[in-house]
């Protein structure tokens, strides 16, 4: 009996070959109902993809390095989990991926790590690091060696990187500003916190936030940004001091992904649920805070799409193929308690 093929899957599921290909390769743009139909057809037919034969036919193996933040942050953990899932899927076929963790708050350690990445035998690298002159120099060295470079979440536009994978952070900041202004009723003061303003995503979000607040909610006073550097004691001190001094405080905008320390600081000051809080990135902590009415809205991005997109883009760059930007464009998601996925 012959082995089932993708043609058999398409016929069994009642979909096109292109749809089968998208599902098998974990590409976006397919409805969950259709994905389920294709997966059920695969199970019924007992289809097993002959990866070894495909590798031999294409005679190509990709070697990528992902440089991601180290530490206990839940967003960083979700990125690493998404990378693990993608690596186990068909999208990572013929691809060897190594993960390197760096302490985001230590620019010297980041540069030492990048300098220690050997370009020999490396096809591409994906980076989520703050931009410094030394980081730009390290990227230039990798580019001179013929390595494809993609940035994740936070862009490095002044470097020689090839492509940025992530949401439009200025637009994300504008969305946060629009929500904040409406939620606070166009009055009071807003505390703005982040891990570090060395990360360009925070800077762009702040610009977008300020643009909307100044234009649409001029009666709201937005305080200068403060940095917590993932230090719970520092975050607690900042929140305590602002609450004590700013009686008109009505909201908090958290531009970074370190929301657990912020939530703990608000609880410690008995202001949890009493201030409007807008945060970024849907993690276990922010999800629960939405349920508990401690956060009013989360501006999110699909980390699975982010990682899969980075792998696809790196492969296209290595093969000198066009990048389908519409496919790789990440949507800004506004998550409320009422629409939690």
C-alpha atoms as a PDB file:
ATOM      1  CA  UNK A   1       0.000   0.000   0.000  1.00  0.00           C
ATOM      2  CA  UNK A   2       1.448   3.370  -0.990  1.00  0.00           C
ATOM      3  CA  UNK A   3       2.144   6.031   1.603  1.00  0.00           C
ATOM      4  CA  UNK A   4      -0.345   8.927   1.813  1.00  0.00           C
ATOM      5  CA  UNK A   5       0.713  12.187   0.183  1.00  0.00           C
ATOM      6  CA  UNK A   6      -0.184  15.860   0.578  1.00  0.00           C
ATOM      7  CA  UNK A   7      -2.618  15.365  -2.320  1.00  0.00           C
ATOM      8  CA  UNK A   8      -4.412  12.733  -0.240  1.00  0.00           C
ATOM      9  CA  UNK A   9      -4.549  15.106   2.733  1.00  0.00           C
ATOM     10  CA  UNK A  10      -6.028  17.885   0.594  1.00  0.00           C
ATOM     11  CA  UNK A  11      -8.685  15.546  -0.785  1.00  0.00           C
ATOM     12  CA  UNK A  12      -9.514  14.100   2.635  1.00  0.00           C
ATOM     13  CA  UNK A  13      -9.796  17.537   4.278  1.00  0.00           C
ATOM     14  CA  UNK A  14     -11.532  19.174   1.318  1.00  0.00           C
ATOM     15  CA  UNK A  15      -8.974  21.974   1.034  1.00  0.00           C
ATOM     16  CA  UNK A  16      -6.368  23.102  -1.469  1.00  0.00           C
ATOM     17  CA  UNK A  17      -2.771  21.900  -1.661  1.00  0.00           C
ATOM     18  CA  UNK A  18      -1.654  25.421  -0.726  1.00  0.00           C
ATOM     19  CA  UNK A  19      -3.698  25.260   2.465  1.00  0.00           C
ATOM     20  CA  UNK A  20      -2.193  21.885   3.364  1.00  0.00           C
ATOM     21  CA  UNK A  21       1.274  23.313   2.803  1.00  0.00           C
ATOM     22  CA  UNK A  22       0.534  26.309   5.054  1.00  0.00           C
ATOM     23  CA  UNK A  23      -0.727  24.089   7.867  1.00  0.00           C
ATOM     24  CA  UNK A  24       2.144  21.605   7.644  1.00  0.00           C
ATOM     25  CA  UNK A  25       4.665  24.440   7.713  1.00  0.00           C
ATOM     26  CA  UNK A  26       2.874  26.378  10.495  1.00  0.00           C
ATOM     27  CA  UNK A  27       2.391  29.472   8.351  1.00  0.00           C
ATOM     28  CA  UNK A  28      -0.173  32.109   9.409  1.00  0.00           C
ATOM     29  CA  UNK A  29      -3.361  32.982   7.576  1.00  0.00           C
ATOM     30  CA  UNK A  30      -5.310  29.748   8.067  1.00  0.00           C
ATOM     31  CA  UNK A  31      -8.437  29.622  10.225  1.00  0.00           C
ATOM     32  CA  UNK A  32      -8.360  27.407  13.310  1.00  0.00           C
ATOM     33  CA  UNK A  33     -11.276  25.361  11.946  1.00  0.00           C
ATOM     34  CA  UNK A  34      -9.351  24.643   8.734  1.00  0.00           C
ATOM     35  CA  UNK A  35      -6.163  23.797  10.648  1.00  0.00           C
ATOM     36  CA  UNK A  36      -8.147  21.281  12.684  1.00  0.00           C
ATOM     37  CA  UNK A  37      -9.607  19.706   9.518  1.00  0.00           C
ATOM     38  CA  UNK A  38      -6.143  19.267   7.995  1.00  0.00           C
ATOM     39  CA  UNK A  39      -4.668  17.888  11.227  1.00  0.00           C
ATOM     40  CA  UNK A  40      -7.525  15.405  11.551  1.00  0.00           C
ATOM     41  CA  UNK A  41      -6.992  14.290   7.938  1.00  0.00           C
ATOM     42  CA  UNK A  42      -3.276  13.813   8.654  1.00  0.00           C
ATOM     43  CA  UNK A  43      -4.143  11.651  11.673  1.00  0.00           C
ATOM     44  CA  UNK A  44      -6.727   9.569   9.800  1.00  0.00           C
ATOM     45  CA  UNK A  45      -4.392   8.906   6.875  1.00  0.00           C
ATOM     46  CA  UNK A  46      -1.366   8.256   9.050  1.00  0.00           C
ATOM     47  CA  UNK A  47       0.681  10.741   7.037  1.00  0.00           C
ATOM     48  CA  UNK A  48       4.326  11.062   8.091  1.00  0.00           C
ATOM     49  CA  UNK A  49       6.474  13.652   6.388  1.00  0.00           C
ATOM     50  CA  UNK A  50       9.716  12.200   5.046  1.00  0.00           C
ATOM     51  CA  UNK A  51      11.988  14.907   6.419  1.00  0.00           C
ATOM     52  CA  UNK A  52      15.156  12.983   5.641  1.00  0.00           C
ATOM     53  CA  UNK A  53      14.230  12.649   1.971  1.00  0.00           C
ATOM     54  CA  UNK A  54      13.349  16.325   1.793  1.00  0.00           C
ATOM     55  CA  UNK A  55      16.677  17.268   3.301  1.00  0.00           C
ATOM     56  CA  UNK A  56      18.548  15.142   0.802  1.00  0.00           C
ATOM     57  CA  UNK A  57      16.580  16.577  -2.103  1.00  0.00           C
ATOM     58  CA  UNK A  58      17.164  20.180  -1.081  1.00  0.00           C
ATOM     59  CA  UNK A  59      20.717  19.609   0.174  1.00  0.00           C
ATOM     60  CA  UNK A  60      20.417  22.534   2.555  1.00  0.00           C
ATOM     61  CA  UNK A  61      20.668  22.897   6.288  1.00  0.00           C
ATOM     62  CA  UNK A  62      20.298  26.229   8.054  1.00  0.00           C
ATOM     63  CA  UNK A  63      22.207  27.138  11.197  1.00  0.00           C
ATOM     64  CA  UNK A  64      20.702  29.957  13.250  1.00  0.00           C
ATOM     65  CA  UNK A  65      21.394  31.537  16.625  1.00  0.00           C
ATOM     66  CA  UNK A  66      18.693  33.309  18.656  1.00  0.00           C
ATOM     67  CA  UNK A  67      20.013  35.809  21.203  1.00  0.00           C
ATOM     68  CA  UNK A  68      17.279  36.294  23.811  1.00  0.00           C
ATOM     69  CA  UNK A  69      17.031  37.951  27.242  1.00  0.00           C
ATOM     70  CA  UNK A  70      18.137  35.947  30.239  1.00  0.00           C
ATOM     71  CA  UNK A  71      16.413  36.004  33.594  1.00  0.00           C
ATOM     72  CA  UNK A  72      13.043  35.108  35.090  1.00  0.00           C
ATOM     73  CA  UNK A  73      10.919  37.548  33.045  1.00  0.00           C
ATOM     74  CA  UNK A  74       7.748  35.866  31.834  1.00  0.00           C
ATOM     75  CA  UNK A  75       7.824  37.450  28.382  1.00  0.00           C
ATOM     76  CA  UNK A  76      11.376  36.191  27.825  1.00  0.00           C
ATOM     77  CA  UNK A  77      10.244  32.765  28.973  1.00  0.00           C
ATOM     78  CA  UNK A  78       7.337  32.841  26.530  1.00  0.00           C
ATOM     79  CA  UNK A  79       9.746  33.664  23.698  1.00  0.00           C
ATOM     80  CA  UNK A  80      11.961  30.735  24.613  1.00  0.00           C
ATOM     81  CA  UNK A  81       8.935  28.439  24.831  1.00  0.00           C
ATOM     82  CA  UNK A  82       7.698  29.622  21.416  1.00  0.00           C
ATOM     83  CA  UNK A  83      11.148  28.968  19.953  1.00  0.00           C
ATOM     84  CA  UNK A  84      11.144  25.453  21.418  1.00  0.00           C
ATOM     85  CA  UNK A  85       7.711  24.781  19.899  1.00  0.00           C
ATOM     86  CA  UNK A  86       8.731  26.165  16.506  1.00  0.00           C
ATOM     87  CA  UNK A  87      11.924  24.097  16.556  1.00  0.00           C
ATOM     88  CA  UNK A  88       9.866  20.958  17.070  1.00  0.00           C
ATOM     89  CA  UNK A  89       7.530  21.798  14.186  1.00  0.00           C
ATOM     90  CA  UNK A  90       7.838  21.474  10.422  1.00  0.00           C
ATOM     91  CA  UNK A  91       8.814  25.122  10.066  1.00  0.00           C
ATOM     92  CA  UNK A  92      12.229  24.307  11.514  1.00  0.00           C
ATOM     93  CA  UNK A  93      12.808  21.438   9.076  1.00  0.00           C
ATOM     94  CA  UNK A  94      16.475  21.299   8.023  1.00  0.00           C
ATOM     95  CA  UNK A  95      17.258  23.967  10.609  1.00  0.00           C
ATOM     96  CA  UNK A  96      19.634  23.850  13.561  1.00  0.00           C
ATOM     97  CA  UNK A  97      18.825  26.543  16.127  1.00  0.00           C
ATOM     98  CA  UNK A  98      20.939  27.466  19.125  1.00  0.00           C
ATOM     99  CA  UNK A  99      19.673  29.804  21.834  1.00  0.00           C
ATOM    100  CA  UNK A 100      22.032  32.204  23.586  1.00  0.00           C
ATOM    101  CA  UNK A 101      20.834  34.109  26.648  1.00  0.00           C
ATOM    102  CA  UNK A 102      22.165  37.528  27.572  1.00  0.00           C
ATOM    103  CA  UNK A 103      21.564  39.812  30.566  1.00  0.00           C
ATOM    104  CA  UNK A 104      19.696  42.713  28.971  1.00  0.00           C
ATOM    105  CA  UNK A 105      20.779  45.110  31.714  1.00  0.00           C
ATOM    106  CA  UNK A 106      24.503  44.526  31.078  1.00  0.00           C
ATOM    107  CA  UNK A 107      25.533  46.006  27.693  1.00  0.00           C
ATOM    108  CA  UNK A 108      29.141  44.863  28.126  1.00  0.00           C
ATOM    109  CA  UNK A 109      28.058  41.239  28.626  1.00  0.00           C
ATOM    110  CA  UNK A 110      25.845  41.499  25.539  1.00  0.00           C
ATOM    111  CA  UNK A 111      28.749  42.691  23.407  1.00  0.00           C
ATOM    112  CA  UNK A 112      31.061  39.985  24.773  1.00  0.00           C
ATOM    113  CA  UNK A 113      28.435  37.389  23.877  1.00  0.00           C
ATOM    114  CA  UNK A 114      28.027  38.740  20.332  1.00  0.00           C
ATOM    115  CA  UNK A 115      31.774  38.891  19.872  1.00  0.00           C
ATOM    116  CA  UNK A 116      31.940  35.251  20.944  1.00  0.00           C
ATOM    117  CA  UNK A 117      29.470  34.160  18.252  1.00  0.00           C
ATOM    118  CA  UNK A 118      31.571  32.502  15.558  1.00  0.00           C
ATOM    119  CA  UNK A 119      30.383  33.386  12.073  1.00  0.00           C
ATOM    120  CA  UNK A 120      31.962  30.284  10.544  1.00  0.00           C
ATOM    121  CA  UNK A 121      29.172  27.846   9.733  1.00  0.00           C
ATOM    122  CA  UNK A 122      26.510  30.314  10.903  1.00  0.00           C
ATOM    123  CA  UNK A 123      23.806  31.341   8.438  1.00  0.00           C
ATOM    124  CA  UNK A 124      21.708  33.757  10.474  1.00  0.00           C
ATOM    125  CA  UNK A 125      21.181  35.357  13.850  1.00  0.00           C
ATOM    126  CA  UNK A 126      18.073  36.811  15.510  1.00  0.00           C
ATOM    127  CA  UNK A 127      18.622  39.408  18.227  1.00  0.00           C
ATOM    128  CA  UNK A 128      16.539  40.880  21.029  1.00  0.00           C
ATOM    129  CA  UNK A 129      19.033  43.289  22.601  1.00  0.00           C
ATOM    130  CA  UNK A 130      19.279  47.032  23.330  1.00  0.00           C
ATOM    131  CA  UNK A 131      21.041  49.201  20.757  1.00  0.00           C
ATOM    132  CA  UNK A 132      24.479  50.537  21.636  1.00  0.00           C
ATOM    133  CA  UNK A 133      27.439  51.536  19.422  1.00  0.00           C
ATOM    134  CA  UNK A 134      29.214  48.332  20.463  1.00  0.00           C
ATOM    135  CA  UNK A 135      26.207  46.205  19.481  1.00  0.00           C
ATOM    136  CA  UNK A 136      26.101  47.943  16.102  1.00  0.00           C
ATOM    137  CA  UNK A 137      29.799  47.147  15.626  1.00  0.00           C
ATOM    138  CA  UNK A 138      29.188  43.483  16.485  1.00  0.00           C
ATOM    139  CA  UNK A 139      26.353  43.319  13.952  1.00  0.00           C
ATOM    140  CA  UNK A 140      28.581  44.901  11.318  1.00  0.00           C
ATOM    141  CA  UNK A 141      31.170  42.191  11.955  1.00  0.00           C
ATOM    142  CA  UNK A 142      28.568  39.469  11.476  1.00  0.00           C
ATOM    143  CA  UNK A 143      27.275  41.098   8.290  1.00  0.00           C
ATOM    144  CA  UNK A 144      30.809  41.354   6.895  1.00  0.00           C
ATOM    145  CA  UNK A 145      31.095  37.601   7.475  1.00  0.00           C
ATOM    146  CA  UNK A 146      27.924  36.998   5.428  1.00  0.00           C
ATOM    147  CA  UNK A 147      25.548  36.281   8.329  1.00  0.00           C
ATOM    148  CA  UNK A 148      21.877  37.299   7.981  1.00  0.00           C
ATOM    149  CA  UNK A 149      20.744  39.463  10.907  1.00  0.00           C
ATOM    150  CA  UNK A 150      17.156  39.876  12.123  1.00  0.00           C
ATOM    151  CA  UNK A 151      16.032  41.915  15.133  1.00  0.00           C
ATOM    152  CA  UNK A 152      13.142  40.835  17.362  1.00  0.00           C
ATOM    153  CA  UNK A 153      10.595  42.849  19.395  1.00  0.00           C
ATOM    154  CA  UNK A 154      12.909  45.866  19.718  1.00  0.00           C
ATOM    155  CA  UNK A 155      14.486  47.145  16.522  1.00  0.00           C
ATOM    156  CA  UNK A 156      18.076  48.287  15.890  1.00  0.00           C
ATOM    157  CA  UNK A 157      17.414  50.529  12.871  1.00  0.00           C
ATOM    158  CA  UNK A 158      20.766  52.289  13.004  1.00  0.00           C
ATOM    159  CA  UNK A 159      22.617  48.993  12.620  1.00  0.00           C
ATOM    160  CA  UNK A 160      23.157  46.932   9.486  1.00  0.00           C
ATOM    161  CA  UNK A 161      20.450  44.429  10.412  1.00  0.00           C
ATOM    162  CA  UNK A 162      18.505  42.985   7.470  1.00  0.00           C
ATOM    163  CA  UNK A 163      14.966  42.904   8.840  1.00  0.00           C
ATOM    164  CA  UNK A 164      12.922  43.691  11.935  1.00  0.00           C
ATOM    165  CA  UNK A 165      10.329  41.221  13.189  1.00  0.00           C
ATOM    166  CA  UNK A 166       7.842  42.685  15.645  1.00  0.00           C
ATOM    167  CA  UNK A 167       4.931  45.031  16.019  1.00  0.00           C
ATOM    168  CA  UNK A 168       5.012  48.733  15.196  1.00  0.00           C
ATOM    169  CA  UNK A 169       5.947  49.937  18.678  1.00  0.00           C
ATOM    170  CA  UNK A 170       5.025  53.567  18.016  1.00  0.00           C
ATOM    171  CA  UNK A 171       1.538  52.443  17.010  1.00  0.00           C
ATOM    172  CA  UNK A 172       1.395  50.227  20.098  1.00  0.00           C
ATOM    173  CA  UNK A 173       2.180  53.256  22.241  1.00  0.00           C
ATOM    174  CA  UNK A 174      -0.519  55.255  20.493  1.00  0.00           C
ATOM    175  CA  UNK A 175      -3.027  52.476  21.185  1.00  0.00           C
ATOM    176  CA  UNK A 176      -2.030  52.507  24.853  1.00  0.00           C
ATOM    177  CA  UNK A 177      -2.447  56.288  24.958  1.00  0.00           C
ATOM    178  CA  UNK A 178      -5.891  56.153  23.398  1.00  0.00           C
ATOM    179  CA  UNK A 179      -7.036  53.554  25.917  1.00  0.00           C
ATOM    180  CA  UNK A 180      -5.490  55.355  28.872  1.00  0.00           C
ATOM    181  CA  UNK A 181      -7.002  58.725  28.002  1.00  0.00           C
ATOM    182  CA  UNK A 182     -10.468  57.242  27.688  1.00  0.00           C
ATOM    183  CA  UNK A 183     -10.203  55.045  30.767  1.00  0.00           C
ATOM    184  CA  UNK A 184      -9.094  57.887  33.078  1.00  0.00           C
ATOM    185  CA  UNK A 185     -11.696  60.272  31.717  1.00  0.00           C
ATOM    186  CA  UNK A 186      -9.180  62.788  30.362  1.00  0.00           C
ATOM    187  CA  UNK A 187      -7.891  63.904  33.766  1.00  0.00           C
ATOM    188  CA  UNK A 188      -5.143  63.372  36.359  1.00  0.00           C
ATOM    189  CA  UNK A 189      -1.537  62.198  36.184  1.00  0.00           C
ATOM    190  CA  UNK A 190      -0.012  59.094  34.599  1.00  0.00           C
ATOM    191  CA  UNK A 191       3.073  57.261  35.853  1.00  0.00           C
ATOM    192  CA  UNK A 192       5.146  55.705  33.055  1.00  0.00           C
ATOM    193  CA  UNK A 193       7.497  52.829  33.922  1.00  0.00           C
ATOM    194  CA  UNK A 194       9.748  50.504  31.962  1.00  0.00           C
ATOM    195  CA  UNK A 195      12.669  48.161  32.461  1.00  0.00           C
ATOM    196  CA  UNK A 196      15.135  50.295  30.548  1.00  0.00           C
ATOM    197  CA  UNK A 197      15.044  53.127  28.037  1.00  0.00           C
ATOM    198  CA  UNK A 198      18.038  51.527  26.330  1.00  0.00           C
ATOM    199  CA  UNK A 199      15.468  49.293  24.615  1.00  0.00           C
ATOM    200  CA  UNK A 200      14.139  51.025  21.539  1.00  0.00           C
ATOM    201  CA  UNK A 201      10.696  49.458  21.865  1.00  0.00           C
ATOM    202  CA  UNK A 202      10.151  51.397  25.102  1.00  0.00           C
ATOM    203  CA  UNK A 203      11.350  54.647  23.533  1.00  0.00           C
ATOM    204  CA  UNK A 204       9.067  54.242  20.513  1.00  0.00           C
ATOM    205  CA  UNK A 205       6.110  53.316  22.713  1.00  0.00           C
ATOM    206  CA  UNK A 206       6.676  56.421  24.818  1.00  0.00           C
ATOM    207  CA  UNK A 207       6.747  58.653  21.727  1.00  0.00           C
ATOM    208  CA  UNK A 208       3.505  57.116  20.475  1.00  0.00           C
ATOM    209  CA  UNK A 209       1.860  57.391  23.888  1.00  0.00           C
ATOM    210  CA  UNK A 210       2.847  61.064  24.262  1.00  0.00           C
ATOM    211  CA  UNK A 211       1.618  61.869  20.754  1.00  0.00           C
ATOM    212  CA  UNK A 212      -1.912  60.720  21.515  1.00  0.00           C
ATOM    213  CA  UNK A 213      -2.038  62.127  25.038  1.00  0.00           C
ATOM    214  CA  UNK A 214      -0.904  65.590  23.909  1.00  0.00           C
ATOM    215  CA  UNK A 215      -3.281  65.615  20.932  1.00  0.00           C
ATOM    216  CA  UNK A 216      -6.409  64.049  22.369  1.00  0.00           C
ATOM    217  CA  UNK A 217      -6.107  64.368  26.155  1.00  0.00           C
ATOM    218  CA  UNK A 218      -4.251  67.605  26.936  1.00  0.00           C
ATOM    219  CA  UNK A 219      -5.706  67.754  30.458  1.00  0.00           C
ATOM    220  CA  UNK A 220      -3.877  64.561  31.415  1.00  0.00           C
ATOM    221  CA  UNK A 221      -0.346  65.073  32.766  1.00  0.00           C
ATOM    222  CA  UNK A 222       2.122  62.331  31.789  1.00  0.00           C
ATOM    223  CA  UNK A 223       5.062  62.071  34.192  1.00  0.00           C
ATOM    224  CA  UNK A 224       8.665  61.449  33.041  1.00  0.00           C
ATOM    225  CA  UNK A 225       9.565  57.818  32.357  1.00  0.00           C
ATOM    226  CA  UNK A 226      11.215  55.885  35.176  1.00  0.00           C
ATOM    227  CA  UNK A 227      13.327  52.749  34.784  1.00  0.00           C
ATOM    228  CA  UNK A 228      13.160  49.780  37.167  1.00  0.00           C
ATOM    229  CA  UNK A 229      15.913  47.620  35.590  1.00  0.00           C
ATOM    230  CA  UNK A 230      14.026  44.468  36.660  1.00  0.00           C
ATOM    231  CA  UNK A 231      14.735  45.368  40.289  1.00  0.00           C
ATOM    232  CA  UNK A 232      11.677  44.680  42.504  1.00  0.00           C
ATOM    233  CA  UNK A 233      13.005  46.930  45.307  1.00  0.00           C
ATOM    234  CA  UNK A 234      13.574  49.797  42.896  1.00  0.00           C
ATOM    235  CA  UNK A 235      10.092  49.365  41.406  1.00  0.00           C
ATOM    236  CA  UNK A 236       8.522  49.285  44.875  1.00  0.00           C
ATOM    237  CA  UNK A 237      10.389  52.454  45.843  1.00  0.00           C
ATOM    238  CA  UNK A 238       9.344  54.271  42.661  1.00  0.00           C
ATOM    239  CA  UNK A 239       5.679  53.368  43.042  1.00  0.00           C
ATOM    240  CA  UNK A 240       5.652  54.178  46.759  1.00  0.00           C
ATOM    241  CA  UNK A 241       7.249  57.595  46.225  1.00  0.00           C
ATOM    242  CA  UNK A 242       4.985  58.552  43.325  1.00  0.00           C
ATOM    243  CA  UNK A 243       1.828  57.498  45.163  1.00  0.00           C
ATOM    244  CA  UNK A 244       2.891  59.478  48.234  1.00  0.00           C
ATOM    245  CA  UNK A 245       3.732  62.647  46.310  1.00  0.00           C
ATOM    246  CA  UNK A 246       1.209  62.609  43.466  1.00  0.00           C
ATOM    247  CA  UNK A 247      -2.295  62.788  44.821  1.00  0.00           C
ATOM    248  CA  UNK A 248      -3.671  63.286  41.300  1.00  0.00           C
ATOM    249  CA  UNK A 249      -2.253  59.958  40.081  1.00  0.00           C
ATOM    250  CA  UNK A 250      -4.943  58.051  38.185  1.00  0.00           C
ATOM    251  CA  UNK A 251      -3.042  55.637  35.944  1.00  0.00           C
ATOM    252  CA  UNK A 252       0.132  53.683  35.233  1.00  0.00           C
ATOM    253  CA  UNK A 253       1.516  52.856  31.791  1.00  0.00           C
ATOM    254  CA  UNK A 254       4.019  49.998  31.796  1.00  0.00           C
ATOM    255  CA  UNK A 255       5.968  50.142  28.529  1.00  0.00           C
ATOM    256  CA  UNK A 256       8.182  47.110  29.104  1.00  0.00           C
ATOM    257  CA  UNK A 257       7.519  43.463  29.794  1.00  0.00           C
ATOM    258  CA  UNK A 258       8.521  43.389  33.484  1.00  0.00           C
ATOM    259  CA  UNK A 259       5.004  43.725  34.831  1.00  0.00           C
ATOM    260  CA  UNK A 260       5.225  41.312  37.744  1.00  0.00           C
ATOM    261  CA  UNK A 261       7.325  43.707  39.844  1.00  0.00           C
ATOM    262  CA  UNK A 262       4.925  46.569  39.035  1.00  0.00           C
ATOM    263  CA  UNK A 263       1.899  44.540  40.102  1.00  0.00           C
ATOM    264  CA  UNK A 264       3.600  43.530  43.345  1.00  0.00           C
ATOM    265  CA  UNK A 265       4.493  47.164  44.058  1.00  0.00           C
ATOM    266  CA  UNK A 266       0.906  48.308  43.490  1.00  0.00           C
ATOM    267  CA  UNK A 267      -0.382  45.568  45.781  1.00  0.00           C
ATOM    268  CA  UNK A 268       2.133  46.557  48.442  1.00  0.00           C
ATOM    269  CA  UNK A 269       0.815  50.126  48.325  1.00  0.00           C
ATOM    270  CA  UNK A 270      -2.835  49.006  48.333  1.00  0.00           C
ATOM    271  CA  UNK A 271      -3.451  50.653  44.981  1.00  0.00           C
ATOM    272  CA  UNK A 272      -3.986  47.491  42.991  1.00  0.00           C
ATOM    273  CA  UNK A 273      -7.291  47.776  41.128  1.00  0.00           C
ATOM    274  CA  UNK A 274      -7.639  51.440  42.098  1.00  0.00           C
ATOM    275  CA  UNK A 275      -5.517  52.871  39.273  1.00  0.00           C
ATOM    276  CA  UNK A 276      -5.953  52.411  35.532  1.00  0.00           C
ATOM    277  CA  UNK A 277      -3.088  50.177  34.393  1.00  0.00           C
ATOM    278  CA  UNK A 278      -2.147  49.611  30.742  1.00  0.00           C
ATOM    279  CA  UNK A 279       0.650  47.102  30.122  1.00  0.00           C
ATOM    280  CA  UNK A 280       2.394  45.260  27.297  1.00  0.00           C
ATOM    281  CA  UNK A 281       2.736  41.534  26.542  1.00  0.00           C
ATOM    282  CA  UNK A 282       0.272  38.838  27.546  1.00  0.00           C
ATOM    283  CA  UNK A 283       1.960  36.555  30.086  1.00  0.00           C
ATOM    284  CA  UNK A 284       0.694  34.428  32.944  1.00  0.00           C
ATOM    285  CA  UNK A 285       1.037  37.428  35.268  1.00  0.00           C
ATOM    286  CA  UNK A 286      -0.760  39.954  33.068  1.00  0.00           C
ATOM    287  CA  UNK A 287      -3.452  37.422  32.170  1.00  0.00           C
ATOM    288  CA  UNK A 288      -4.236  36.823  35.832  1.00  0.00           C
ATOM    289  CA  UNK A 289      -4.090  40.565  36.530  1.00  0.00           C
ATOM    290  CA  UNK A 290      -6.689  41.138  33.813  1.00  0.00           C
ATOM    291  CA  UNK A 291      -8.936  38.520  35.397  1.00  0.00           C
ATOM    292  CA  UNK A 292      -8.435  40.089  38.843  1.00  0.00           C
ATOM    293  CA  UNK A 293      -9.096  43.642  37.535  1.00  0.00           C
ATOM    294  CA  UNK A 294      -5.556  44.737  38.408  1.00  0.00           C
ATOM    295  CA  UNK A 295      -4.761  45.557  34.769  1.00  0.00           C
ATOM    296  CA  UNK A 296      -7.304  47.213  32.483  1.00  0.00           C
ATOM    297  CA  UNK A 297      -5.760  46.349  29.095  1.00  0.00           C
ATOM    298  CA  UNK A 298      -2.728  44.602  27.641  1.00  0.00           C
ATOM    299  CA  UNK A 299      -1.147  45.544  24.310  1.00  0.00           C
ATOM    300  CA  UNK A 300       0.113  42.210  23.010  1.00  0.00           C
ATOM    301  CA  UNK A 301       1.815  40.478  20.098  1.00  0.00           C
ATOM    302  CA  UNK A 302       1.665  36.818  19.114  1.00  0.00           C
ATOM    303  CA  UNK A 303       5.008  35.359  20.228  1.00  0.00           C
ATOM    304  CA  UNK A 304       4.459  32.194  18.205  1.00  0.00           C
ATOM    305  CA  UNK A 305       4.022  34.259  15.040  1.00  0.00           C
ATOM    306  CA  UNK A 306       7.050  36.341  16.047  1.00  0.00           C
ATOM    307  CA  UNK A 307       9.383  33.354  16.314  1.00  0.00           C
ATOM    308  CA  UNK A 308       8.047  31.562  13.222  1.00  0.00           C
ATOM    309  CA  UNK A 309       8.357  34.781  11.241  1.00  0.00           C
ATOM    310  CA  UNK A 310      11.976  35.217  12.326  1.00  0.00           C
ATOM    311  CA  UNK A 311      12.824  31.695  11.142  1.00  0.00           C
ATOM    312  CA  UNK A 312      11.078  32.213   7.798  1.00  0.00           C
ATOM    313  CA  UNK A 313      12.776  35.573   7.234  1.00  0.00           C
ATOM    314  CA  UNK A 314      16.221  34.201   8.069  1.00  0.00           C
ATOM    315  CA  UNK A 315      15.727  31.339   5.636  1.00  0.00           C
ATOM    316  CA  UNK A 316      14.571  33.705   2.890  1.00  0.00           C
ATOM    317  CA  UNK A 317      17.606  35.921   3.483  1.00  0.00           C
ATOM    318  CA  UNK A 318      19.918  32.915   3.323  1.00  0.00           C
ATOM    319  CA  UNK A 319      18.341  31.736   0.071  1.00  0.00           C
ATOM    320  CA  UNK A 320      18.205  35.254  -1.397  1.00  0.00           C
ATOM    321  CA  UNK A 321      14.439  34.951  -1.777  1.00  0.00           C
ATOM    322  CA  UNK A 322      11.847  37.728  -1.384  1.00  0.00           C
ATOM    323  CA  UNK A 323      10.349  38.299   2.060  1.00  0.00           C
ATOM    324  CA  UNK A 324       6.559  38.383   2.058  1.00  0.00           C
ATOM    325  CA  UNK A 325       6.128  41.334   4.379  1.00  0.00           C
ATOM    326  CA  UNK A 326       2.350  40.968   4.591  1.00  0.00           C
ATOM    327  CA  UNK A 327       2.828  37.469   5.988  1.00  0.00           C
ATOM    328  CA  UNK A 328       5.490  38.595   8.433  1.00  0.00           C
ATOM    329  CA  UNK A 329       3.672  41.704   9.682  1.00  0.00           C
ATOM    330  CA  UNK A 330       2.609  41.212  13.296  1.00  0.00           C
ATOM    331  CA  UNK A 331      -0.702  42.606  14.438  1.00  0.00           C
ATOM    332  CA  UNK A 332      -1.090  44.712  17.556  1.00  0.00           C
ATOM    333  CA  UNK A 333      -3.574  42.957  19.813  1.00  0.00           C
ATOM    334  CA  UNK A 334      -5.565  44.797  22.494  1.00  0.00           C
ATOM    335  CA  UNK A 335      -6.527  42.280  25.168  1.00  0.00           C
ATOM    336  CA  UNK A 336      -9.173  43.052  27.773  1.00  0.00           C
ATOM    337  CA  UNK A 337     -10.631  40.852  30.469  1.00  0.00           C
ATOM    338  CA  UNK A 338     -13.652  40.309  28.245  1.00  0.00           C
ATOM    339  CA  UNK A 339     -11.717  39.012  25.228  1.00  0.00           C
ATOM    340  CA  UNK A 340      -8.962  36.973  26.839  1.00  0.00           C
ATOM    341  CA  UNK A 341      -7.907  34.239  24.415  1.00  0.00           C
END
